[in-house]
Amino acid sequence: MEVNSVNPRIIEALRTRDGVIITFEDGKYAKFPARLLYAMILNAVEMSASLSEPGVPASSKTP
């Protein structure tokens, strides 16, 4: 499967002690260790406290 040919939709993200488990709309899921995510932090989009996501109350966001 070519990554550019799909637009995966995340339906759930579960925080674990040492990472995150992400469930996609098609039923596939992946576990990402915290150390991997932290190592890739420079590639992430910066989130500001004033950023508003549709359907996500500002009070539920973590800085």
Protein backbone atom coordinates (compact mmCIF):
# COMPACT_ATOMS: atom_id res chain seq x y z
CA MET A 1 0.00 0.00 0.00
CA GLU A 2 1.30 3.41 -0.96
CA VAL A 3 1.08 5.97 1.84
CA ASN A 4 0.25 8.80 -0.56
CA SER A 5 -2.79 6.90 -1.87
CA VAL A 6 -4.58 6.81 1.48
CA ASN A 7 -5.77 9.36 3.96
CA PRO A 8 -5.83 7.39 7.22
CA ARG A 9 -8.32 8.58 9.80
CA ILE A 10 -7.49 8.09 13.46
CA ILE A 11 -10.52 7.09 15.49
CA GLU A 12 -8.81 6.52 18.83
CA ALA A 13 -5.52 7.25 20.54
CA LEU A 14 -4.78 5.54 23.83
CA ARG A 15 -1.95 6.77 25.98
CA THR A 16 0.02 3.99 27.66
CA ARG A 17 2.78 4.11 30.26
CA ASP A 18 5.48 4.08 27.59
CA GLY A 19 3.80 5.30 24.40
CA VAL A 20 0.61 5.56 22.38
CA ILE A 21 -1.67 3.04 20.67
CA ILE A 22 -3.43 4.52 17.64
CA THR A 23 -6.49 2.89 16.07
CA PHE A 24 -7.38 3.73 12.48
CA GLU A 25 -10.82 3.75 10.88
CA ASP A 26 -10.04 0.62 8.84
CA GLY A 27 -9.44 -1.37 12.04
CA LYS A 28 -5.65 -1.35 11.85
CA TYR A 29 -3.74 -0.16 14.86
CA ALA A 30 -0.18 0.69 15.76
CA LYS A 31 1.78 1.14 18.97
CA PHE A 32 4.38 3.88 19.03
CA PRO A 33 6.92 3.98 21.86
CA ALA A 34 7.33 7.34 23.59
CA ARG A 35 11.06 7.39 22.82
CA LEU A 36 10.33 7.12 19.08
CA LEU A 37 7.77 9.93 19.19
CA TYR A 38 10.12 12.11 21.23
CA ALA A 39 12.97 11.49 18.78
CA MET A 40 10.72 12.73 15.97
CA ILE A 41 9.51 15.84 17.79
CA LEU A 42 11.37 18.17 15.42
CA ASN A 43 9.21 16.81 12.57
CA ALA A 44 5.97 17.53 14.45
CA VAL A 45 3.68 20.47 13.84
CA GLU A 46 3.96 22.96 16.68
CA MET A 47 0.75 23.25 18.66
CA SER A 48 -0.09 26.52 20.35
CA ALA A 49 -2.49 26.92 23.25
CA SER A 50 -4.69 29.14 21.08
CA LEU A 51 -4.98 26.57 18.28
CA SER A 52 -8.52 25.31 17.96
CA GLU A 53 -9.27 21.92 16.42
CA PRO A 54 -12.78 21.18 15.18
CA GLY A 55 -14.62 19.00 17.67
CA VAL A 56 -11.93 19.21 20.35
CA PRO A 57 -12.63 21.51 23.30
CA ALA A 58 -9.63 23.66 24.21
CA SER A 59 -9.79 22.40 27.80
CA SER A 60 -9.08 18.81 26.66
CA LYS A 61 -5.79 19.66 24.93
CA THR A 62 -2.44 19.16 26.57
CA PRO A 63 0.33 21.68 25.90
